Amino acid sequence: MSTERTNELYHLLLSKGYPKELCAEIAYKHMNTDYTATRMLGYLYRITNPRVEDLIDEMLAILSDRDALVQKKEYERAQAVINDIYNNGL
């Protein structure tokens, strides 16, 4: 299921002349959330015509940031449970 942002990303990539298969792979497989698509759109609006290599590097950096954020939230939830146990016991 694609969102408005992923569709916007797909069409922007196409308009910049990237191959259709690459555009679909980036927009619908990897940048398929509003968060990641918005980050990639921001990059594409700042950098007018990045090379394919730079585009892929940015995609990987965005995915890495997203994964780090997810992991941080998981650690915070785990720490909250531990703190609750320390404060209230089992």
PDB file of N, CA and C in Angstrom:
ATOM      1  N   MET A   1       0.845  -1.178   0.000  1.00  0.00           N
ATOM      2  CA  MET A   1       0.000   0.000   0.000  1.00  0.00           C
ATOM      3  C   MET A   1       0.889   1.239   0.000  1.00  0.00           C
ATOM      4  N   SER A   2       0.693   2.101  -0.940  1.00  0.00           N
ATOM      5  CA  SER A   2       1.519   3.291  -1.035  1.00  0.00           C
ATOM      6  C   SER A   2       0.782   4.494  -0.460  1.00  0.00           C
ATOM      7  N   THR A   3       1.567   5.431   0.035  1.00  0.00           N
ATOM      8  CA  THR A   3       0.997   6.653   0.579  1.00  0.00           C
ATOM      9  C   THR A   3       1.162   7.775  -0.441  1.00  0.00           C
ATOM     10  N   GLU A   4       0.562   8.891  -0.135  1.00  0.00           N
ATOM     11  CA  GLU A   4       0.675  10.054  -1.012  1.00  0.00           C
ATOM     12  C   GLU A   4       2.142  10.480  -1.154  1.00  0.00           C
ATOM     13  N   ARG A   5       2.877  10.407  -0.054  1.00  0.00           N
ATOM     14  CA  ARG A   5       4.291  10.807  -0.077  1.00  0.00           C
ATOM     15  C   ARG A   5       5.129   9.857  -0.931  1.00  0.00           C
ATOM     16  N   THR A   6       4.870   8.555  -0.840  1.00  0.00           N
ATOM     17  CA  THR A   6       5.650   7.621  -1.653  1.00  0.00           C
ATOM     18  C   THR A   6       5.324   7.794  -3.128  1.00  0.00           C
ATOM     19  N   ASN A   7       4.062   8.074  -3.433  1.00  0.00           N
ATOM     20  CA  ASN A   7       3.699   8.349  -4.825  1.00  0.00           C
ATOM     21  C   ASN A   7       4.385   9.614  -5.323  1.00  0.00           C
ATOM     22  N   GLU A   8       4.413  10.635  -4.478  1.00  0.00           N
ATOM     23  CA  GLU A   8       5.099  11.883  -4.837  1.00  0.00           C
ATOM     24  C   GLU A   8       6.578  11.629  -5.089  1.00  0.00           C
ATOM     25  N   LEU A   9       7.188  10.815  -4.235  1.00  0.00           N
ATOM     26  CA  LEU A   9       8.595  10.471  -4.398  1.00  0.00           C
ATOM     27  C   LEU A   9       8.822   9.738  -5.715  1.00  0.00           C
ATOM     28  N   TYR A  10       7.982   8.771  -6.003  1.00  0.00           N
ATOM     29  CA  TYR A  10       8.104   8.003  -7.243  1.00  0.00           C
ATOM     30  C   TYR A  10       8.046   8.922  -8.459  1.00  0.00           C
ATOM     31  N   HIS A  11       7.075   9.799  -8.487  1.00  0.00           N
ATOM     32  CA  HIS A  11       6.908  10.692  -9.638  1.00  0.00           C
ATOM     33  C   HIS A  11       8.039  11.716  -9.740  1.00  0.00           C
ATOM     34  N   LEU A  12       8.542  12.180  -8.612  1.00  0.00           N
ATOM     35  CA  LEU A  12       9.671  13.110  -8.640  1.00  0.00           C
ATOM     36  C   LEU A  12      10.922  12.423  -9.180  1.00  0.00           C
ATOM     37  N   LEU A  13      11.166  11.187  -8.733  1.00  0.00           N
ATOM     38  CA  LEU A  13      12.317  10.436  -9.245  1.00  0.00           C
ATOM     39  C   LEU A  13      12.198  10.222 -10.752  1.00  0.00           C
ATOM     40  N   LEU A  14      10.993   9.856 -11.195  1.00  0.00           N
ATOM     41  CA  LEU A  14      10.774   9.682 -12.639  1.00  0.00           C
ATOM     42  C   LEU A  14      11.027  10.976 -13.403  1.00  0.00           C
ATOM     43  N   SER A  15      10.564  12.084 -12.861  1.00  0.00           N
ATOM     44  CA  SER A  15      10.722  13.368 -13.549  1.00  0.00           C
ATOM     45  C   SER A  15      12.186  13.791 -13.643  1.00  0.00           C
ATOM     46  N   LYS A  16      13.014  13.263 -12.745  1.00  0.00           N
ATOM     47  CA  LYS A  16      14.442  13.579 -12.772  1.00  0.00           C
ATOM     48  C   LYS A  16      15.206  12.658 -13.721  1.00  0.00           C
ATOM     49  N   GLY A  17      14.505  11.712 -14.347  1.00  0.00           N
ATOM     50  CA  GLY A  17      15.116  10.883 -15.375  1.00  0.00           C
ATOM     51  C   GLY A  17      15.718   9.571 -14.905  1.00  0.00           C
ATOM     52  N   TYR A  18      15.430   9.163 -13.684  1.00  0.00           N
ATOM     53  CA  TYR A  18      15.946   7.877 -13.211  1.00  0.00           C
ATOM     54  C   TYR A  18      15.125   6.748 -13.831  1.00  0.00           C
ATOM     55  N   PRO A  19      15.741   5.565 -13.982  1.00  0.00           N
ATOM     56  CA  PRO A  19      15.009   4.431 -14.566  1.00  0.00           C
ATOM     57  C   PRO A  19      13.772   4.077 -13.747  1.00  0.00           C
ATOM     58  N   LYS A  20      12.718   3.698 -14.434  1.00  0.00           N
ATOM     59  CA  LYS A  20      11.432   3.390 -13.807  1.00  0.00           C
ATOM     60  C   LYS A  20      11.566   2.322 -12.721  1.00  0.00           C
ATOM     61  N   GLU A  21      12.358   1.282 -12.989  1.00  0.00           N
ATOM     62  CA  GLU A  21      12.532   0.190 -12.019  1.00  0.00           C
ATOM     63  C   GLU A  21      13.207   0.691 -10.740  1.00  0.00           C
ATOM     64  N   LEU A  22      14.202   1.565 -10.910  1.00  0.00           N
ATOM     65  CA  LEU A  22      14.891   2.126  -9.747  1.00  0.00           C
ATOM     66  C   LEU A  22      13.946   3.005  -8.947  1.00  0.00           C
ATOM     67  N   CYS A  23      13.145   3.804  -9.626  1.00  0.00           N
ATOM     68  CA  CYS A  23      12.185   4.680  -8.955  1.00  0.00           C
ATOM     69  C   CYS A  23      11.201   3.858  -8.124  1.00  0.00           C
ATOM     70  N   ALA A  24      10.694   2.792  -8.704  1.00  0.00           N
ATOM     71  CA  ALA A  24       9.743   1.936  -7.988  1.00  0.00           C
ATOM     72  C   ALA A  24      10.412   1.251  -6.807  1.00  0.00           C
ATOM     73  N   GLU A  25      11.615   0.779  -7.001  1.00  0.00           N
ATOM     74  CA  GLU A  25      12.358   0.102  -5.923  1.00  0.00           C
ATOM     75  C   GLU A  25      12.577   1.058  -4.744  1.00  0.00           C
ATOM     76  N   ILE A  26      13.015   2.254  -5.041  1.00  0.00           N
ATOM     77  CA  ILE A  26      13.275   3.229  -3.980  1.00  0.00           C
ATOM     78  C   ILE A  26      11.973   3.643  -3.297  1.00  0.00           C
ATOM     79  N   ALA A  27      10.996   4.072  -4.078  1.00  0.00           N
ATOM     80  CA  ALA A  27       9.777   4.641  -3.500  1.00  0.00           C
ATOM     81  C   ALA A  27       8.893   3.602  -2.815  1.00  0.00           C
ATOM     82  N   TYR A  28       8.695   2.472  -3.461  1.00  0.00           N
ATOM     83  CA  TYR A  28       7.697   1.535  -2.951  1.00  0.00           C
ATOM     84  C   TYR A  28       8.261   0.389  -2.118  1.00  0.00           C
ATOM     85  N   LYS A  29       9.550   0.143  -2.226  1.00  0.00           N
ATOM     86  CA  LYS A  29      10.122  -0.946  -1.423  1.00  0.00           C
ATOM     87  C   LYS A  29      10.889  -0.414  -0.212  1.00  0.00           C
ATOM     88  N   HIS A  30      11.686   0.639  -0.411  1.00  0.00           N
ATOM     89  CA  HIS A  30      12.553   1.100   0.672  1.00  0.00           C
ATOM     90  C   HIS A  30      12.059   2.366   1.362  1.00  0.00           C
ATOM     91  N   MET A  31      11.573   3.326   0.618  1.00  0.00           N
ATOM     92  CA  MET A  31      11.119   4.601   1.191  1.00  0.00           C
ATOM     93  C   MET A  31       9.596   4.602   1.254  1.00  0.00           C
ATOM     94  N   ASN A  32       9.020   3.552   1.808  1.00  0.00           N
ATOM     95  CA  ASN A  32       7.576   3.336   1.723  1.00  0.00           C
ATOM     96  C   ASN A  32       6.789   3.829   2.930  1.00  0.00           C
ATOM     97  N   THR A  33       7.403   4.643   3.765  1.00  0.00           N
ATOM     98  CA  THR A  33       6.668   5.276   4.859  1.00  0.00           C
ATOM     99  C   THR A  33       6.712   6.784   4.652  1.00  0.00           C
ATOM    100  N   ASP A  34       5.795   7.488   5.293  1.00  0.00           N
ATOM    101  CA  ASP A  34       5.792   8.946   5.168  1.00  0.00           C
ATOM    102  C   ASP A  34       7.112   9.538   5.663  1.00  0.00           C
ATOM    103  N   TYR A  35       7.630   8.988   6.753  1.00  0.00           N
ATOM    104  CA  TYR A  35       8.883   9.502   7.325  1.00  0.00           C
ATOM    105  C   TYR A  35      10.032   9.393   6.328  1.00  0.00           C
ATOM    106  N   THR A  36      10.248   8.202   5.791  1.00  0.00           N
ATOM    107  CA  THR A  36      11.390   8.014   4.884  1.00  0.00           C
ATOM    108  C   THR A  36      11.169   8.722   3.556  1.00  0.00           C
ATOM    109  N   ALA A  37       9.946   8.683   3.037  1.00  0.00           N
ATOM    110  CA  ALA A  37       9.665   9.359   1.767  1.00  0.00           C
ATOM    111  C   ALA A  37       9.848  10.864   1.912  1.00  0.00           C
ATOM    112  N   THR A  38       9.403  11.436   3.015  1.00  0.00           N
ATOM    113  CA  THR A  38       9.550  12.877   3.239  1.00  0.00           C
ATOM    114  C   THR A  38      11.019  13.258   3.341  1.00  0.00           C
ATOM    115  N   ARG A  39      11.800  12.440   4.025  1.00  0.00           N
ATOM    116  CA  ARG A  39      13.240  12.713   4.114  1.00  0.00           C
ATOM    117  C   ARG A  39      13.892  12.676   2.742  1.00  0.00           C
ATOM    118  N   MET A  40      13.543  11.687   1.919  1.00  0.00           N
ATOM    119  CA  MET A  40      14.121  11.583   0.581  1.00  0.00           C
ATOM    120  C   MET A  40      13.645  12.735  -0.301  1.00  0.00           C
ATOM    121  N   LEU A  41      12.395  13.119  -0.180  1.00  0.00           N
ATOM    122  CA  LEU A  41      11.892  14.260  -0.945  1.00  0.00           C
ATOM    123  C   LEU A  41      12.663  15.526  -0.577  1.00  0.00           C
ATOM    124  N   GLY A  42      12.916  15.718   0.696  1.00  0.00           N
ATOM    125  CA  GLY A  42      13.701  16.872   1.133  1.00  0.00           C
ATOM    126  C   GLY A  42      15.082  16.879   0.499  1.00  0.00           C
ATOM    127  N   TYR A  43      15.706  15.726   0.456  1.00  0.00           N
ATOM    128  CA  TYR A  43      17.019  15.609  -0.179  1.00  0.00           C
ATOM    129  C   TYR A  43      16.935  15.964  -1.661  1.00  0.00           C
ATOM    130  N   LEU A  44      15.937  15.441  -2.331  1.00  0.00           N
ATOM    131  CA  LEU A  44      15.812  15.675  -3.770  1.00  0.00           C
ATOM    132  C   LEU A  44      15.465  17.129  -4.098  1.00  0.00           C
ATOM    133  N   TYR A  45      14.789  17.813  -3.198  1.00  0.00           N
ATOM    134  CA  TYR A  45      14.494  19.226  -3.435  1.00  0.00           C
ATOM    135  C   TYR A  45      15.724  20.096  -3.155  1.00  0.00           C
ATOM    136  N   ARG A  46      16.610  19.648  -2.269  1.00  0.00           N
ATOM    137  CA  ARG A  46      17.847  20.387  -1.982  1.00  0.00           C
ATOM    138  C   ARG A  46      18.912  20.147  -3.042  1.00  0.00           C
ATOM    139  N   ILE A  47      19.065  18.881  -3.450  1.00  0.00           N
ATOM    140  CA  ILE A  47      20.077  18.495  -4.431  1.00  0.00           C
ATOM    141  C   ILE A  47      19.342  18.243  -5.750  1.00  0.00           C
ATOM    142  N   THR A  48      19.588  19.067  -6.740  1.00  0.00           N
ATOM    143  CA  THR A  48      18.762  19.026  -7.944  1.00  0.00           C
ATOM    144  C   THR A  48      18.878  17.730  -8.735  1.00  0.00           C
ATOM    145  N   ASN A  49      20.075  17.305  -9.068  1.00  0.00           N
ATOM    146  CA  ASN A  49      20.241  16.092  -9.880  1.00  0.00           C
ATOM    147  C   ASN A  49      21.371  15.217  -9.340  1.00  0.00           C
ATOM    148  N   PRO A  50      21.123  14.512  -8.237  1.00  0.00           N
ATOM    149  CA  PRO A  50      22.189  13.660  -7.700  1.00  0.00           C
ATOM    150  C   PRO A  50      22.462  12.462  -8.615  1.00  0.00           C
ATOM    151  N   ARG A  51      23.712  12.015  -8.590  1.00  0.00           N
ATOM    152  CA  ARG A  51      24.050  10.787  -9.315  1.00  0.00           C
ATOM    153  C   ARG A  51      23.307   9.628  -8.656  1.00  0.00           C
ATOM    154  N   VAL A  52      23.143   8.545  -9.375  1.00  0.00           N
ATOM    155  CA  VAL A  52      22.450   7.373  -8.835  1.00  0.00           C
ATOM    156  C   VAL A  52      23.150   6.890  -7.564  1.00  0.00           C
ATOM    157  N   GLU A  53      24.479   6.904  -7.572  1.00  0.00           N
ATOM    158  CA  GLU A  53      25.244   6.455  -6.404  1.00  0.00           C
ATOM    159  C   GLU A  53      24.932   7.315  -5.187  1.00  0.00           C
ATOM    160  N   ASP A  54      24.850   8.634  -5.388  1.00  0.00           N
ATOM    161  CA  ASP A  54      24.545   9.538  -4.276  1.00  0.00           C
ATOM    162  C   ASP A  54      23.111   9.347  -3.791  1.00  0.00           C
ATOM    163  N   LEU A  55      22.210   9.100  -4.710  1.00  0.00           N
ATOM    164  CA  LEU A  55      20.817   8.845  -4.359  1.00  0.00           C
ATOM    165  C   LEU A  55      20.697   7.591  -3.483  1.00  0.00           C
ATOM    166  N   ILE A  56      21.402   6.547  -3.878  1.00  0.00           N
ATOM    167  CA  ILE A  56      21.386   5.294  -3.105  1.00  0.00           C
ATOM    168  C   ILE A  56      22.051   5.497  -1.744  1.00  0.00           C
ATOM    169  N   ASP A  57      23.160   6.236  -1.700  1.00  0.00           N
ATOM    170  CA  ASP A  57      23.812   6.530  -0.419  1.00  0.00           C
ATOM    171  C   ASP A  57      22.869   7.262   0.522  1.00  0.00           C
ATOM    172  N   GLU A  58      22.140   8.240  -0.004  1.00  0.00           N
ATOM    173  CA  GLU A  58      21.191   8.982   0.828  1.00  0.00           C
ATOM    174  C   GLU A  58      20.073   8.074   1.314  1.00  0.00           C
ATOM    175  N   MET A  59      19.583   7.204   0.444  1.00  0.00           N
ATOM    176  CA  MET A  59      18.537   6.267   0.840  1.00  0.00           C
ATOM    177  C   MET A  59      19.028   5.387   1.995  1.00  0.00           C
ATOM    178  N   LEU A  60      20.249   4.876   1.868  1.00  0.00           N
ATOM    179  CA  LEU A  60      20.799   4.025   2.928  1.00  0.00           C
ATOM    180  C   LEU A  60      20.996   4.795   4.230  1.00  0.00           C
ATOM    181  N   ALA A  61      21.405   6.054   4.130  1.00  0.00           N
ATOM    182  CA  ALA A  61      21.574   6.882   5.328  1.00  0.00           C
ATOM    183  C   ALA A  61      20.233   7.121   6.012  1.00  0.00           C
ATOM    184  N   ILE A  62      19.200   7.387   5.232  1.00  0.00           N
ATOM    185  CA  ILE A  62      17.858   7.598   5.798  1.00  0.00           C
ATOM    186  C   ILE A  62      17.367   6.332   6.479  1.00  0.00           C
ATOM    187  N   LEU A  63      17.566   5.195   5.833  1.00  0.00           N
ATOM    188  CA  LEU A  63      17.140   3.923   6.432  1.00  0.00           C
ATOM    189  C   LEU A  63      17.926   3.624   7.702  1.00  0.00           C
ATOM    190  N   SER A  64      19.193   3.954   7.713  1.00  0.00           N
ATOM    191  CA  SER A  64      20.014   3.756   8.903  1.00  0.00           C
ATOM    192  C   SER A  64      19.530   4.642  10.047  1.00  0.00           C
ATOM    193  N   ASP A  65      19.215   5.896   9.750  1.00  0.00           N
ATOM    194  CA  ASP A  65      18.675   6.802  10.768  1.00  0.00           C
ATOM    195  C   ASP A  65      17.359   6.282  11.327  1.00  0.00           C
ATOM    196  N   ARG A  66      16.505   5.791  10.427  1.00  0.00           N
ATOM    197  CA  ARG A  66      15.217   5.258  10.866  1.00  0.00           C
ATOM    198  C   ARG A  66      15.415   4.048  11.775  1.00  0.00           C
ATOM    199  N   ASP A  67      16.327   3.163  11.400  1.00  0.00           N
ATOM    200  CA  ASP A  67      16.583   1.977  12.214  1.00  0.00           C
ATOM    201  C   ASP A  67      17.137   2.363  13.583  1.00  0.00           C
ATOM    202  N   ALA A  68      18.012   3.370  13.618  1.00  0.00           N
ATOM    203  CA  ALA A  68      18.569   3.837  14.890  1.00  0.00           C
ATOM    204  C   ALA A  68      17.474   4.435  15.769  1.00  0.00           C
ATOM    205  N   LEU A  69      16.549   5.162  15.173  1.00  0.00           N
ATOM    206  CA  LEU A  69      15.443   5.750  15.925  1.00  0.00           C
ATOM    207  C   LEU A  69      14.532   4.664  16.489  1.00  0.00           C
ATOM    208  N   VAL A  70      14.238   3.650  15.698  1.00  0.00           N
ATOM    209  CA  VAL A  70      13.407   2.535  16.166  1.00  0.00           C
ATOM    210  C   VAL A  70      14.096   1.820  17.323  1.00  0.00           C
ATOM    211  N   GLN A  71      15.396   1.576  17.181  1.00  0.00           N
ATOM    212  CA  GLN A  71      16.140   0.902  18.244  1.00  0.00           C
ATOM    213  C   GLN A  71      16.157   1.744  19.519  1.00  0.00           C
ATOM    214  N   LYS A  72      16.328   3.046  19.379  1.00  0.00           N
ATOM    215  CA  LYS A  72      16.321   3.939  20.543  1.00  0.00           C
ATOM    216  C   LYS A  72      14.986   3.864  21.264  1.00  0.00           C
ATOM    217  N   LYS A  73      13.894   3.869  20.527  1.00  0.00           N
ATOM    218  CA  LYS A  73      12.560   3.777  21.138  1.00  0.00           C
ATOM    219  C   LYS A  73      12.381   2.437  21.858  1.00  0.00           C
ATOM    220  N   GLU A  74      12.898   1.369  21.273  1.00  0.00           N
ATOM    221  CA  GLU A  74      12.811   0.061  21.925  1.00  0.00           C
ATOM    222  C   GLU A  74      13.599   0.061  23.235  1.00  0.00           C
ATOM    223  N   TYR A  75      14.797   0.645  23.226  1.00  0.00           N
ATOM    224  CA  TYR A  75      15.600   0.743  24.450  1.00  0.00           C
ATOM    225  C   TYR A  75      14.883   1.575  25.503  1.00  0.00           C
ATOM    226  N   GLU A  76      14.249   2.666  25.081  1.00  0.00           N
ATOM    227  CA  GLU A  76      13.536   3.523  26.027  1.00  0.00           C
ATOM    228  C   GLU A  76      12.366   2.776  26.668  1.00  0.00           C
ATOM    229  N   ARG A  77      11.643   1.994  25.864  1.00  0.00           N
ATOM    230  CA  ARG A  77      10.527   1.207  26.412  1.00  0.00           C
ATOM    231  C   ARG A  77      11.037   0.157  27.397  1.00  0.00           C
ATOM    232  N   ALA A  78      12.137  -0.505  27.046  1.00  0.00           N
ATOM    233  CA  ALA A  78      12.714  -1.519  27.937  1.00  0.00           C
ATOM    234  C   ALA A  78      13.192  -0.876  29.234  1.00  0.00           C
ATOM    235  N   GLN A  79      13.813   0.297  29.131  1.00  0.00           N
ATOM    236  CA  GLN A  79      14.296   0.989  30.327  1.00  0.00           C
ATOM    237  C   GLN A  79      13.131   1.424  31.204  1.00  0.00           C
ATOM    238  N   ALA A  80      12.025   1.827  30.595  1.00  0.00           N
ATOM    239  CA  ALA A  80      10.842   2.216  31.375  1.00  0.00           C
ATOM    240  C   ALA A  80      10.303   1.028  32.167  1.00  0.00           C
ATOM    241  N   VAL A  81      10.299  -0.154  31.565  1.00  0.00           N
ATOM    242  CA  VAL A  81       9.837  -1.361  32.260  1.00  0.00           C
ATOM    243  C   VAL A  81      10.775  -1.679  33.423  1.00  0.00           C
ATOM    244  N   ILE A  82      12.062  -1.595  33.194  1.00  0.00           N
ATOM    245  CA  ILE A  82      13.039  -1.857  34.262  1.00  0.00           C
ATOM    246  C   ILE A  82      12.858  -0.862  35.396  1.00  0.00           C
ATOM    247  N   ASN A  83      12.701   0.411  35.058  1.00  0.00           N
ATOM    248  CA  ASN A  83      12.495   1.431  36.093  1.00  0.00           C
ATOM    249  C   ASN A  83      11.228   1.168  36.894  1.00  0.00           C
ATOM    250  N   ASP A  84      10.174   0.728  36.207  1.00  0.00           N
ATOM    251  CA  ASP A  84       8.928   0.406  36.900  1.00  0.00           C
ATOM    252  C   ASP A  84       9.138  -0.743  37.870  1.00  0.00           C
ATOM    253  N   ILE A  85       9.878  -1.748  37.478  1.00  0.00           N
ATOM    254  CA  ILE A  85      10.164  -2.877  38.355  1.00  0.00           C
ATOM    255  C   ILE A  85      10.987  -2.428  39.557  1.00  0.00           C
ATOM    256  N   TYR A  86      11.992  -1.581  39.324  1.00  0.00           N
ATOM    257  CA  TYR A  86      12.807  -1.070  40.435  1.00  0.00           C
ATOM    258  C   TYR A  86      11.951  -0.261  41.402  1.00  0.00           C
ATOM    259  N   ASN A  87      11.055   0.537  40.874  1.00  0.00           N
ATOM    260  CA  ASN A  87      10.251   1.417  41.727  1.00  0.00           C
ATOM    261  C   ASN A  87       9.086   0.719  42.402  1.00  0.00           C
ATOM    262  N   ASN A  88       8.462  -0.240  41.717  1.00  0.00           N
ATOM    263  CA  ASN A  88       7.246  -0.851  42.233  1.00  0.00           C
ATOM    264  C   ASN A  88       7.376  -2.329  42.536  1.00  0.00           C
ATOM    265  N   GLY A  89       8.495  -2.918  42.207  1.00  0.00           N
ATOM    266  CA  GLY A  89       8.677  -4.351  42.412  1.00  0.00           C
ATOM    267  C   GLY A  89       7.918  -5.154  41.372  1.00  0.00           C
ATOM    268  N   LEU A  90       8.075  -6.455  41.457  1.00  0.00           N
ATOM    269  CA  LEU A  90       7.372  -7.330  40.520  1.00  0.00           C
ATOM    270  C   LEU A  90       5.949  -7.415  40.954  1.00  0.00           C
TER     271      LEU A  90
END
